[in-house]
């Protein structure tokens, strides 16, 4: 049994999926692999995610120490940027493997790329 931030997980894979699992977290992390993005840039990369969901997922990833949020308030308009933390960067091989597997499914199984 593993315990992380007050939650119990039956195995290490469960803990990992507890942090990066769900419909949008992995997608967010995938887009941040290339570097820092502003909130609106992330929204453009994921047009079907709602603003509320994106905000909540980014907040959760920030609380878990995976994503860093930097706010620039020196002059309007407010500018917010998101990037991977050092801990988040350790997930790059995992996220890339997930993406590569998706590509192989498209190539091998004839899935349709929209």
PDB file of N, CA and C in Angstrom:
ATOM      1  N   UNK A   1       0.857  -1.178   0.000  1.00  0.00           N
ATOM      2  CA  UNK A   1       0.000   0.000   0.000  1.00  0.00           C
ATOM      3  C   UNK A   1       0.900   1.238   0.000  1.00  0.00           C
ATOM      4  N   UNK A   2       0.538   2.189  -0.822  1.00  0.00           N
ATOM      5  CA  UNK A   2       1.267   3.449  -0.911  1.00  0.00           C
ATOM      6  C   UNK A   2       0.367   4.574  -0.426  1.00  0.00           C
ATOM      7  N   UNK A   3       0.985   5.539   0.236  1.00  0.00           N
ATOM      8  CA  UNK A   3       0.229   6.702   0.686  1.00  0.00           C
ATOM      9  C   UNK A   3       0.937   7.961   0.178  1.00  0.00           C
ATOM     10  N   UNK A   4       0.129   8.856  -0.431  1.00  0.00           N
ATOM     11  CA  UNK A   4       0.676  10.093  -0.976  1.00  0.00           C
ATOM     12  C   UNK A   4      -0.361  11.190  -0.771  1.00  0.00           C
ATOM     13  N   UNK A   5       0.061  12.248  -0.114  1.00  0.00           N
ATOM     14  CA  UNK A   5      -0.805  13.397   0.160  1.00  0.00           C
ATOM     15  C   UNK A   5      -2.135  12.985   0.794  1.00  0.00           C
ATOM     16  N   UNK A   6      -2.050  12.077   1.762  1.00  0.00           N
ATOM     17  CA  UNK A   6      -3.230  11.673   2.513  1.00  0.00           C
ATOM     18  C   UNK A   6      -4.130  10.662   1.828  1.00  0.00           C
ATOM     19  N   UNK A   7      -3.749  10.194   0.651  1.00  0.00           N
ATOM     20  CA  UNK A   7      -4.552   9.196  -0.061  1.00  0.00           C
ATOM     21  C   UNK A   7      -3.808   7.871  -0.118  1.00  0.00           C
ATOM     22  N   UNK A   8      -4.564   6.789  -0.030  1.00  0.00           N
ATOM     23  CA  UNK A   8      -3.983   5.452  -0.125  1.00  0.00           C
ATOM     24  C   UNK A   8      -4.124   4.914  -1.536  1.00  0.00           C
ATOM     25  N   UNK A   9      -3.066   4.259  -2.000  1.00  0.00           N
ATOM     26  CA  UNK A   9      -3.045   3.655  -3.328  1.00  0.00           C
ATOM     27  C   UNK A   9      -2.581   2.209  -3.188  1.00  0.00           C
ATOM     28  N   UNK A  10      -3.243   1.265  -3.851  1.00  0.00           N
ATOM     29  CA  UNK A  10      -2.883  -0.145  -3.703  1.00  0.00           C
ATOM     30  C   UNK A  10      -1.555  -0.524  -4.350  1.00  0.00           C
ATOM     31  N   UNK A  11      -1.101   0.278  -5.331  1.00  0.00           N
ATOM     32  CA  UNK A  11       0.179  -0.015  -5.986  1.00  0.00           C
ATOM     33  C   UNK A  11       0.762   1.273  -6.561  1.00  0.00           C
ATOM     34  N   UNK A  12       1.997   1.200  -7.007  1.00  0.00           N
ATOM     35  CA  UNK A  12       2.660   2.389  -7.539  1.00  0.00           C
ATOM     36  C   UNK A  12       2.012   2.868  -8.836  1.00  0.00           C
ATOM     37  N   UNK A  13       1.486   1.950  -9.648  1.00  0.00           N
ATOM     38  CA  UNK A  13       0.800   2.359 -10.888  1.00  0.00           C
ATOM     39  C   UNK A  13      -0.460   3.139 -10.554  1.00  0.00           C
ATOM     40  N   UNK A  14      -1.147   2.730  -9.515  1.00  0.00           N
ATOM     41  CA  UNK A  14      -2.359   3.432  -9.067  1.00  0.00           C
ATOM     42  C   UNK A  14      -2.018   4.845  -8.602  1.00  0.00           C
ATOM     43  N   UNK A  15      -0.908   4.979  -7.901  1.00  0.00           N
ATOM     44  CA  UNK A  15      -0.467   6.299  -7.449  1.00  0.00           C
ATOM     45  C   UNK A  15      -0.174   7.200  -8.651  1.00  0.00           C
ATOM     46  N   UNK A  16       0.548   6.668  -9.640  1.00  0.00           N
ATOM     47  CA  UNK A  16       0.867   7.446 -10.835  1.00  0.00           C
ATOM     48  C   UNK A  16      -0.402   7.896 -11.540  1.00  0.00           C
ATOM     49  N   UNK A  17      -1.332   6.971 -11.726  1.00  0.00           N
ATOM     50  CA  UNK A  17      -2.573   7.312 -12.415  1.00  0.00           C
ATOM     51  C   UNK A  17      -3.432   8.254 -11.577  1.00  0.00           C
ATOM     52  N   UNK A  18      -3.304   8.190 -10.278  1.00  0.00           N
ATOM     53  CA  UNK A  18      -4.006   9.131  -9.408  1.00  0.00           C
ATOM     54  C   UNK A  18      -3.531  10.560  -9.622  1.00  0.00           C
ATOM     55  N   UNK A  19      -2.267  10.709  -9.987  1.00  0.00           N
ATOM     56  CA  UNK A  19      -1.699  12.035 -10.208  1.00  0.00           C
ATOM     57  C   UNK A  19      -1.904  12.512 -11.646  1.00  0.00           C
ATOM     58  N   UNK A  20      -1.662  11.643 -12.629  1.00  0.00           N
ATOM     59  CA  UNK A  20      -1.736  12.095 -14.027  1.00  0.00           C
ATOM     60  C   UNK A  20      -2.911  11.520 -14.794  1.00  0.00           C
ATOM     61  N   UNK A  21      -3.737  10.712 -14.142  1.00  0.00           N
ATOM     62  CA  UNK A  21      -4.854  10.074 -14.828  1.00  0.00           C
ATOM     63  C   UNK A  21      -5.986  11.045 -15.121  1.00  0.00           C
ATOM     64  N   UNK A  22      -6.960  10.547 -15.834  1.00  0.00           N
ATOM     65  CA  UNK A  22      -8.099  11.366 -16.218  1.00  0.00           C
ATOM     66  C   UNK A  22      -8.002  11.741 -17.684  1.00  0.00           C
ATOM     67  N   UNK A  23      -9.032  12.393 -18.158  1.00  0.00           N
ATOM     68  CA  UNK A  23      -9.123  12.689 -19.583  1.00  0.00           C
ATOM     69  C   UNK A  23      -8.143  13.767 -20.043  1.00  0.00           C
ATOM     70  N   UNK A  24      -7.848  14.751 -19.194  1.00  0.00           N
ATOM     71  CA  UNK A  24      -7.106  15.928 -19.672  1.00  0.00           C
ATOM     72  C   UNK A  24      -5.704  16.110 -19.129  1.00  0.00           C
ATOM     73  N   UNK A  25      -5.380  15.559 -17.973  1.00  0.00           N
ATOM     74  CA  UNK A  25      -4.065  15.829 -17.387  1.00  0.00           C
ATOM     75  C   UNK A  25      -2.916  15.395 -18.297  1.00  0.00           C
ATOM     76  N   UNK A  26      -3.011  14.199 -18.846  1.00  0.00           N
ATOM     77  CA  UNK A  26      -1.948  13.710 -19.713  1.00  0.00           C
ATOM     78  C   UNK A  26      -1.839  14.559 -20.974  1.00  0.00           C
ATOM     79  N   UNK A  27      -2.975  15.015 -21.479  1.00  0.00           N
ATOM     80  CA  UNK A  27      -2.976  15.871 -22.674  1.00  0.00           C
ATOM     81  C   UNK A  27      -2.291  17.203 -22.360  1.00  0.00           C
ATOM     82  N   UNK A  28      -2.590  17.773 -21.208  1.00  0.00           N
ATOM     83  CA  UNK A  28      -1.948  19.020 -20.784  1.00  0.00           C
ATOM     84  C   UNK A  28      -0.435  18.815 -20.699  1.00  0.00           C
ATOM     85  N   UNK A  29      -0.031  17.740 -20.032  1.00  0.00           N
ATOM     86  CA  UNK A  29       1.398  17.465 -19.877  1.00  0.00           C
ATOM     87  C   UNK A  29       2.067  17.248 -21.225  1.00  0.00           C
ATOM     88  N   UNK A  30       1.387  16.564 -22.138  1.00  0.00           N
ATOM     89  CA  UNK A  30       1.935  16.346 -23.477  1.00  0.00           C
ATOM     90  C   UNK A  30       2.240  17.675 -24.171  1.00  0.00           C
ATOM     91  N   UNK A  31       1.328  18.610 -24.068  1.00  0.00           N
ATOM     92  CA  UNK A  31       1.537  19.908 -24.728  1.00  0.00           C
ATOM     93  C   UNK A  31       2.610  20.743 -24.036  1.00  0.00           C
ATOM     94  N   UNK A  32       2.821  20.523 -22.758  1.00  0.00           N
ATOM     95  CA  UNK A  32       3.854  21.272 -22.034  1.00  0.00           C
ATOM     96  C   UNK A  32       5.260  20.686 -22.218  1.00  0.00           C
ATOM     97  N   UNK A  33       5.350  19.505 -22.827  1.00  0.00           N
ATOM     98  CA  UNK A  33       6.668  18.918 -23.083  1.00  0.00           C
ATOM     99  C   UNK A  33       7.507  19.864 -23.940  1.00  0.00           C
ATOM    100  N   UNK A  34       6.859  20.540 -24.878  1.00  0.00           N
ATOM    101  CA  UNK A  34       7.576  21.441 -25.779  1.00  0.00           C
ATOM    102  C   UNK A  34       8.035  22.731 -25.142  1.00  0.00           C
ATOM    103  N   UNK A  35       7.581  23.010 -23.936  1.00  0.00           N
ATOM    104  CA  UNK A  35       7.996  24.228 -23.246  1.00  0.00           C
ATOM    105  C   UNK A  35       6.827  24.979 -22.640  1.00  0.00           C
ATOM    106  N   UNK A  36       7.117  26.147 -22.158  1.00  0.00           N
ATOM    107  CA  UNK A  36       6.145  26.992 -21.473  1.00  0.00           C
ATOM    108  C   UNK A  36       5.044  27.440 -22.417  1.00  0.00           C
ATOM    109  N   UNK A  37       3.805  27.388 -21.920  1.00  0.00           N
ATOM    110  CA  UNK A  37       2.657  27.864 -22.691  1.00  0.00           C
ATOM    111  C   UNK A  37       1.775  28.750 -21.822  1.00  0.00           C
ATOM    112  N   UNK A  38       1.182  29.738 -22.448  1.00  0.00           N
ATOM    113  CA  UNK A  38       0.192  30.557 -21.765  1.00  0.00           C
ATOM    114  C   UNK A  38      -1.134  29.806 -21.752  1.00  0.00           C
ATOM    115  N   UNK A  39      -2.023  30.228 -20.873  1.00  0.00           N
ATOM    116  CA  UNK A  39      -3.314  29.574 -20.716  1.00  0.00           C
ATOM    117  C   UNK A  39      -4.045  29.491 -22.055  1.00  0.00           C
ATOM    118  N   UNK A  40      -4.117  30.596 -22.782  1.00  0.00           N
ATOM    119  CA  UNK A  40      -4.839  30.609 -24.057  1.00  0.00           C
ATOM    120  C   UNK A  40      -4.175  29.721 -25.112  1.00  0.00           C
ATOM    121  N   UNK A  41      -2.868  29.578 -25.043  1.00  0.00           N
ATOM    122  CA  UNK A  41      -2.179  28.677 -25.965  1.00  0.00           C
ATOM    123  C   UNK A  41      -2.573  27.223 -25.685  1.00  0.00           C
ATOM    124  N   UNK A  42      -2.677  26.884 -24.399  1.00  0.00           N
ATOM    125  CA  UNK A  42      -3.144  25.545 -24.040  1.00  0.00           C
ATOM    126  C   UNK A  42      -4.571  25.320 -24.525  1.00  0.00           C
ATOM    127  N   UNK A  43      -5.420  26.327 -24.367  1.00  0.00           N
ATOM    128  CA  UNK A  43      -6.818  26.224 -24.820  1.00  0.00           C
ATOM    129  C   UNK A  43      -6.877  25.966 -26.327  1.00  0.00           C
ATOM    130  N   UNK A  44      -6.014  26.616 -27.091  1.00  0.00           N
ATOM    131  CA  UNK A  44      -6.002  26.411 -28.540  1.00  0.00           C
ATOM    132  C   UNK A  44      -5.566  24.997 -28.908  1.00  0.00           C
ATOM    133  N   UNK A  45      -4.665  24.423 -28.117  1.00  0.00           N
ATOM    134  CA  UNK A  45      -4.204  23.059 -28.364  1.00  0.00           C
ATOM    135  C   UNK A  45      -5.283  22.031 -28.032  1.00  0.00           C
ATOM    136  N   UNK A  46      -6.210  22.401 -27.143  1.00  0.00           N
ATOM    137  CA  UNK A  46      -7.259  21.490 -26.687  1.00  0.00           C
ATOM    138  C   UNK A  46      -8.617  22.178 -26.802  1.00  0.00           C
ATOM    139  N   UNK A  47      -9.099  22.388 -28.018  1.00  0.00           N
ATOM    140  CA  UNK A  47     -10.325  23.173 -28.204  1.00  0.00           C
ATOM    141  C   UNK A  47     -11.578  22.561 -27.578  1.00  0.00           C
ATOM    142  N   UNK A  48     -11.588  21.258 -27.334  1.00  0.00           N
ATOM    143  CA  UNK A  48     -12.799  20.644 -26.787  1.00  0.00           C
ATOM    144  C   UNK A  48     -12.860  20.649 -25.261  1.00  0.00           C
ATOM    145  N   UNK A  49     -11.789  21.073 -24.585  1.00  0.00           N
ATOM    146  CA  UNK A  49     -11.825  21.148 -23.123  1.00  0.00           C
ATOM    147  C   UNK A  49     -12.502  22.453 -22.711  1.00  0.00           C
ATOM    148  N   UNK A  50     -13.313  22.388 -21.653  1.00  0.00           N
ATOM    149  CA  UNK A  50     -13.949  23.619 -21.168  1.00  0.00           C
ATOM    150  C   UNK A  50     -12.940  24.422 -20.361  1.00  0.00           C
ATOM    151  N   UNK A  51     -13.183  25.707 -20.251  1.00  0.00           N
ATOM    152  CA  UNK A  51     -12.280  26.564 -19.477  1.00  0.00           C
ATOM    153  C   UNK A  51     -12.226  26.120 -18.026  1.00  0.00           C
ATOM    154  N   UNK A  52     -13.373  25.769 -17.479  1.00  0.00           N
ATOM    155  CA  UNK A  52     -13.445  25.338 -16.079  1.00  0.00           C
ATOM    156  C   UNK A  52     -12.613  24.079 -15.857  1.00  0.00           C
ATOM    157  N   UNK A  53     -12.775  23.105 -16.750  1.00  0.00           N
ATOM    158  CA  UNK A  53     -12.021  21.859 -16.618  1.00  0.00           C
ATOM    159  C   UNK A  53     -10.530  22.107 -16.748  1.00  0.00           C
ATOM    160  N   UNK A  54     -10.122  22.893 -17.732  1.00  0.00           N
ATOM    161  CA  UNK A  54      -8.701  23.186 -17.910  1.00  0.00           C
ATOM    162  C   UNK A  54      -8.140  23.867 -16.670  1.00  0.00           C
ATOM    163  N   UNK A  55      -8.849  24.840 -16.158  1.00  0.00           N
ATOM    164  CA  UNK A  55      -8.396  25.548 -14.951  1.00  0.00           C
ATOM    165  C   UNK A  55      -8.256  24.602 -13.767  1.00  0.00           C
ATOM    166  N   UNK A  56      -9.251  23.734 -13.565  1.00  0.00           N
ATOM    167  CA  UNK A  56      -9.210  22.796 -12.439  1.00  0.00           C
ATOM    168  C   UNK A  56      -8.075  21.787 -12.585  1.00  0.00           C
ATOM    169  N   UNK A  57      -7.873  21.277 -13.800  1.00  0.00           N
ATOM    170  CA  UNK A  57      -6.802  20.307 -14.016  1.00  0.00           C
ATOM    171  C   UNK A  57      -5.423  20.941 -13.841  1.00  0.00           C
ATOM    172  N   UNK A  58      -5.261  22.156 -14.319  1.00  0.00           N
ATOM    173  CA  UNK A  58      -3.991  22.867 -14.125  1.00  0.00           C
ATOM    174  C   UNK A  58      -3.739  23.122 -12.648  1.00  0.00           C
ATOM    175  N   UNK A  59      -4.786  23.488 -11.925  1.00  0.00           N
ATOM    176  CA  UNK A  59      -4.646  23.737 -10.484  1.00  0.00           C
ATOM    177  C   UNK A  59      -4.232  22.458  -9.756  1.00  0.00           C
ATOM    178  N   UNK A  60      -4.847  21.338 -10.106  1.00  0.00           N
ATOM    179  CA  UNK A  60      -4.499  20.066  -9.481  1.00  0.00           C
ATOM    180  C   UNK A  60      -3.062  19.672  -9.799  1.00  0.00           C
ATOM    181  N   UNK A  61      -2.662  19.829 -11.053  1.00  0.00           N
ATOM    182  CA  UNK A  61      -1.284  19.506 -11.432  1.00  0.00           C
ATOM    183  C   UNK A  61      -0.286  20.412 -10.716  1.00  0.00           C
ATOM    184  N   UNK A  62      -0.672  21.658 -10.505  1.00  0.00           N
ATOM    185  CA  UNK A  62       0.183  22.589  -9.769  1.00  0.00           C
ATOM    186  C   UNK A  62       0.290  22.166  -8.304  1.00  0.00           C
ATOM    187  N   UNK A  63      -0.836  21.812  -7.705  1.00  0.00           N
ATOM    188  CA  UNK A  63      -0.835  21.365  -6.301  1.00  0.00           C
ATOM    189  C   UNK A  63       0.003  20.108  -6.104  1.00  0.00           C
ATOM    190  N   UNK A  64       0.033  19.245  -7.119  1.00  0.00           N
ATOM    191  CA  UNK A  64       0.820  18.010  -7.038  1.00  0.00           C
ATOM    192  C   UNK A  64       2.291  18.225  -7.394  1.00  0.00           C
ATOM    193  N   UNK A  65       2.664  19.462  -7.736  1.00  0.00           N
ATOM    194  CA  UNK A  65       4.054  19.770  -8.019  1.00  0.00           C
ATOM    195  C   UNK A  65       4.517  19.345  -9.400  1.00  0.00           C
ATOM    196  N   UNK A  66       3.577  19.100 -10.312  1.00  0.00           N
ATOM    197  CA  UNK A  66       3.912  18.648 -11.655  1.00  0.00           C
ATOM    198  C   UNK A  66       4.045  19.827 -12.617  1.00  0.00           C
ATOM    199  N   UNK A  67       3.205  20.836 -12.425  1.00  0.00           N
ATOM    200  CA  UNK A  67       3.173  22.017 -13.289  1.00  0.00           C
ATOM    201  C   UNK A  67       3.447  23.253 -12.446  1.00  0.00           C
ATOM    202  N   UNK A  68       4.189  24.182 -13.033  1.00  0.00           N
ATOM    203  CA  UNK A  68       4.488  25.455 -12.381  1.00  0.00           C
ATOM    204  C   UNK A  68       3.674  26.544 -13.067  1.00  0.00           C
ATOM    205  N   UNK A  69       3.059  27.384 -12.268  1.00  0.00           N
ATOM    206  CA  UNK A  69       2.263  28.508 -12.767  1.00  0.00           C
ATOM    207  C   UNK A  69       3.000  29.790 -12.429  1.00  0.00           C
ATOM    208  N   UNK A  70       3.260  30.606 -13.446  1.00  0.00           N
ATOM    209  CA  UNK A  70       3.950  31.875 -13.224  1.00  0.00           C
ATOM    210  C   UNK A  70       3.043  33.003 -13.697  1.00  0.00           C
ATOM    211  N   UNK A  71       2.786  33.945 -12.792  1.00  0.00           N
ATOM    212  CA  UNK A  71       1.903  35.070 -13.096  1.00  0.00           C
ATOM    213  C   UNK A  71       2.746  36.330 -13.234  1.00  0.00           C
ATOM    214  N   UNK A  72       2.528  37.049 -14.328  1.00  0.00           N
ATOM    215  CA  UNK A  72       3.193  38.321 -14.559  1.00  0.00           C
ATOM    216  C   UNK A  72       2.161  39.419 -14.324  1.00  0.00           C
ATOM    217  N   UNK A  73       2.419  40.261 -13.340  1.00  0.00           N
ATOM    218  CA  UNK A  73       1.461  41.319 -12.994  1.00  0.00           C
ATOM    219  C   UNK A  73       2.038  42.712 -13.197  1.00  0.00           C
ATOM    220  N   UNK A  74       3.207  42.804 -13.813  1.00  0.00           N
ATOM    221  CA  UNK A  74       3.865  44.105 -13.932  1.00  0.00           C
ATOM    222  C   UNK A  74       3.058  45.109 -14.745  1.00  0.00           C
ATOM    223  N   UNK A  75       2.365  44.634 -15.776  1.00  0.00           N
ATOM    224  CA  UNK A  75       1.517  45.547 -16.538  1.00  0.00           C
ATOM    225  C   UNK A  75       0.335  44.761 -17.108  1.00  0.00           C
ATOM    226  N   UNK A  76      -0.808  45.410 -17.203  1.00  0.00           N
ATOM    227  CA  UNK A  76      -1.980  44.725 -17.764  1.00  0.00           C
ATOM    228  C   UNK A  76      -1.772  44.461 -19.249  1.00  0.00           C
ATOM    229  N   UNK A  77      -2.387  43.450 -19.819  1.00  0.00           N
ATOM    230  CA  UNK A  77      -3.248  42.467 -19.170  1.00  0.00           C
ATOM    231  C   UNK A  77      -2.428  41.415 -18.418  1.00  0.00           C
ATOM    232  N   UNK A  78      -3.058  40.783 -17.467  1.00  0.00           N
ATOM    233  CA  UNK A  78      -2.431  39.744 -16.665  1.00  0.00           C
ATOM    234  C   UNK A  78      -1.950  38.621 -17.586  1.00  0.00           C
ATOM    235  N   UNK A  79      -0.745  38.158 -17.351  1.00  0.00           N
ATOM    236  CA  UNK A  79      -0.158  37.093 -18.167  1.00  0.00           C
ATOM    237  C   UNK A  79       0.172  35.915 -17.256  1.00  0.00           C
ATOM    238  N   UNK A  80      -0.322  34.729 -17.609  1.00  0.00           N
ATOM    239  CA  UNK A  80      -0.070  33.524 -16.827  1.00  0.00           C
ATOM    240  C   UNK A  80       0.553  32.478 -17.745  1.00  0.00           C
ATOM    241  N   UNK A  81       1.661  31.906 -17.296  1.00  0.00           N
ATOM    242  CA  UNK A  81       2.348  30.874 -18.061  1.00  0.00           C
ATOM    243  C   UNK A  81       2.437  29.589 -17.253  1.00  0.00           C
ATOM    244  N   UNK A  82       2.393  28.476 -17.960  1.00  0.00           N
ATOM    245  CA  UNK A  82       2.494  27.160 -17.330  1.00  0.00           C
ATOM    246  C   UNK A  82       3.670  26.410 -17.929  1.00  0.00           C
ATOM    247  N   UNK A  83       4.386  25.693 -17.075  1.00  0.00           N
ATOM    248  CA  UNK A  83       5.513  24.884 -17.523  1.00  0.00           C
ATOM    249  C   UNK A  83       5.638  23.682 -16.600  1.00  0.00           C
ATOM    250  N   UNK A  84       6.414  22.709 -17.029  1.00  0.00           N
ATOM    251  CA  UNK A  84       6.664  21.531 -16.205  1.00  0.00           C
ATOM    252  C   UNK A  84       7.693  21.865 -15.140  1.00  0.00           C
ATOM    253  N   UNK A  85       7.471  21.372 -13.939  1.00  0.00           N
ATOM    254  CA  UNK A  85       8.466  21.484 -12.875  1.00  0.00           C
ATOM    255  C   UNK A  85       9.526  20.402 -13.120  1.00  0.00           C
ATOM    256  N   UNK A  86      10.540  20.372 -12.291  1.00  0.00           N
ATOM    257  CA  UNK A  86      11.535  19.303 -12.407  1.00  0.00           C
ATOM    258  C   UNK A  86      10.879  17.939 -12.215  1.00  0.00           C
ATOM    259  N   UNK A  87       9.951  17.841 -11.261  1.00  0.00           N
ATOM    260  CA  UNK A  87       9.219  16.597 -11.064  1.00  0.00           C
ATOM    261  C   UNK A  87       8.376  16.283 -12.295  1.00  0.00           C
ATOM    262  N   UNK A  88       7.728  17.282 -12.852  1.00  0.00           N
ATOM    263  CA  UNK A  88       6.933  17.101 -14.057  1.00  0.00           C
ATOM    264  C   UNK A  88       7.759  16.622 -15.231  1.00  0.00           C
ATOM    265  N   UNK A  89       8.986  17.118 -15.337  1.00  0.00           N
ATOM    266  CA  UNK A  89       9.864  16.713 -16.443  1.00  0.00           C
ATOM    267  C   UNK A  89      10.232  15.230 -16.362  1.00  0.00           C
ATOM    268  N   UNK A  90      10.202  14.663 -15.156  1.00  0.00           N
ATOM    269  CA  UNK A  90      10.486  13.225 -15.034  1.00  0.00           C
ATOM    270  C   UNK A  90       9.385  12.384 -15.672  1.00  0.00           C
ATOM    271  N   UNK A  91       8.230  12.988 -15.936  1.00  0.00           N
ATOM    272  CA  UNK A  91       7.121  12.282 -16.585  1.00  0.00           C
ATOM    273  C   UNK A  91       7.219  12.295 -18.114  1.00  0.00           C
ATOM    274  N   UNK A  92       8.141  13.060 -18.676  1.00  0.00           N
ATOM    275  CA  UNK A  92       8.237  13.176 -20.134  1.00  0.00           C
ATOM    276  C   UNK A  92       8.351  11.812 -20.812  1.00  0.00           C
ATOM    277  N   UNK A  93       9.234  10.904 -20.355  1.00  0.00           N
ATOM    278  CA  UNK A  93       9.300   9.593 -21.030  1.00  0.00           C
ATOM    279  C   UNK A  93       7.976   8.819 -20.944  1.00  0.00           C
ATOM    280  N   UNK A  94       7.282   8.946 -19.840  1.00  0.00           N
ATOM    281  CA  UNK A  94       5.997   8.262 -19.662  1.00  0.00           C
ATOM    282  C   UNK A  94       4.965   8.829 -20.630  1.00  0.00           C
ATOM    283  N   UNK A  95       4.846  10.146 -20.663  1.00  0.00           N
ATOM    284  CA  UNK A  95       3.876  10.813 -21.536  1.00  0.00           C
ATOM    285  C   UNK A  95       4.221  10.541 -23.003  1.00  0.00           C
ATOM    286  N   UNK A  96       5.505  10.588 -23.339  1.00  0.00           N
ATOM    287  CA  UNK A  96       5.917  10.323 -24.718  1.00  0.00           C
ATOM    288  C   UNK A  96       5.600   8.886 -25.116  1.00  0.00           C
ATOM    289  N   UNK A  97       5.788   7.951 -24.199  1.00  0.00           N
ATOM    290  CA  UNK A  97       5.455   6.549 -24.482  1.00  0.00           C
ATOM    291  C   UNK A  97       3.960   6.378 -24.725  1.00  0.00           C
ATOM    292  N   UNK A  98       3.144   7.068 -23.944  1.00  0.00           N
ATOM    293  CA  UNK A  98       1.694   7.016 -24.130  1.00  0.00           C
ATOM    294  C   UNK A  98       1.336   7.570 -25.519  1.00  0.00           C
ATOM    295  N   UNK A  99       1.943   8.693 -25.886  1.00  0.00           N
ATOM    296  CA  UNK A  99       1.681   9.299 -27.199  1.00  0.00           C
ATOM    297  C   UNK A  99       2.158   8.376 -28.325  1.00  0.00           C
ATOM    298  N   UNK A 100       3.330   7.790 -28.168  1.00  0.00           N
ATOM    299  CA  UNK A 100       3.863   6.882 -29.181  1.00  0.00           C
ATOM    300  C   UNK A 100       2.959   5.662 -29.359  1.00  0.00           C
ATOM    301  N   UNK A 101       2.419   5.153 -28.254  1.00  0.00           N
ATOM    302  CA  UNK A 101       1.504   4.020 -28.330  1.00  0.00           C
ATOM    303  C   UNK A 101       0.259   4.406 -29.131  1.00  0.00           C
ATOM    304  N   UNK A 102      -0.249   5.603 -28.907  1.00  0.00           N
ATOM    305  CA  UNK A 102      -1.404   6.080 -29.662  1.00  0.00           C
ATOM    306  C   UNK A 102      -1.116   6.151 -31.157  1.00  0.00           C
ATOM    307  N   UNK A 103       0.070   6.629 -31.511  1.00  0.00           N
ATOM    308  CA  UNK A 103       0.472   6.686 -32.919  1.00  0.00           C
ATOM    309  C   UNK A 103       0.526   5.275 -33.504  1.00  0.00           C
ATOM    310  N   UNK A 104       1.067   4.322 -32.741  1.00  0.00           N
ATOM    311  CA  UNK A 104       1.166   2.948 -33.248  1.00  0.00           C
ATOM    312  C   UNK A 104      -0.214   2.342 -33.456  1.00  0.00           C
ATOM    313  N   UNK A 105      -1.167   2.665 -32.625  1.00  0.00           N
ATOM    314  CA  UNK A 105      -2.532   2.169 -32.803  1.00  0.00           C
ATOM    315  C   UNK A 105      -3.111   2.707 -34.107  1.00  0.00           C
ATOM    316  N   UNK A 106      -2.885   4.002 -34.353  1.00  0.00           N
ATOM    317  CA  UNK A 106      -3.368   4.596 -35.599  1.00  0.00           C
ATOM    318  C   UNK A 106      -2.739   3.908 -36.802  1.00  0.00           C
ATOM    319  N   UNK A 107      -1.437   3.681 -36.738  1.00  0.00           N
ATOM    320  CA  UNK A 107      -0.730   3.063 -37.863  1.00  0.00           C
ATOM    321  C   UNK A 107      -1.059   1.588 -38.039  1.00  0.00           C
ATOM    322  N   UNK A 108      -1.100   0.844 -36.935  1.00  0.00           N
ATOM    323  CA  UNK A 108      -1.288  -0.610 -36.999  1.00  0.00           C
ATOM    324  C   UNK A 108      -2.745  -1.032 -37.146  1.00  0.00           C
ATOM    325  N   UNK A 109      -3.634  -0.319 -36.533  1.00  0.00           N
ATOM    326  CA  UNK A 109      -5.038  -0.747 -36.500  1.00  0.00           C
ATOM    327  C   UNK A 109      -5.931   0.049 -37.433  1.00  0.00           C
ATOM    328  N   UNK A 110      -5.354   0.992 -38.150  1.00  0.00           N
ATOM    329  CA  UNK A 110      -6.126   1.747 -39.113  1.00  0.00           C
ATOM    330  C   UNK A 110      -7.099   2.731 -38.491  1.00  0.00           C
ATOM    331  N   UNK A 111      -6.799   3.207 -37.296  1.00  0.00           N
ATOM    332  CA  UNK A 111      -7.636   4.224 -36.682  1.00  0.00           C
ATOM    333  C   UNK A 111      -7.580   5.484 -37.543  1.00  0.00           C
ATOM    334  N   UNK A 112      -8.580   6.284 -37.436  1.00  0.00           N
ATOM    335  CA  UNK A 112      -8.687   7.477 -38.266  1.00  0.00           C
ATOM    336  C   UNK A 112      -8.118   8.682 -37.536  1.00  0.00           C
ATOM    337  N   UNK A 113      -7.268   9.449 -38.208  1.00  0.00           N
ATOM    338  CA  UNK A 113      -6.741  10.694 -37.672  1.00  0.00           C
ATOM    339  C   UNK A 113      -7.601  11.805 -38.238  1.00  0.00           C
ATOM    340  N   UNK A 114      -8.264  12.551 -37.346  1.00  0.00           N
ATOM    341  CA  UNK A 114      -9.170  13.625 -37.798  1.00  0.00           C
ATOM    342  C   UNK A 114      -8.400  14.874 -38.150  1.00  0.00           C
TER     343      UNK A 114
END
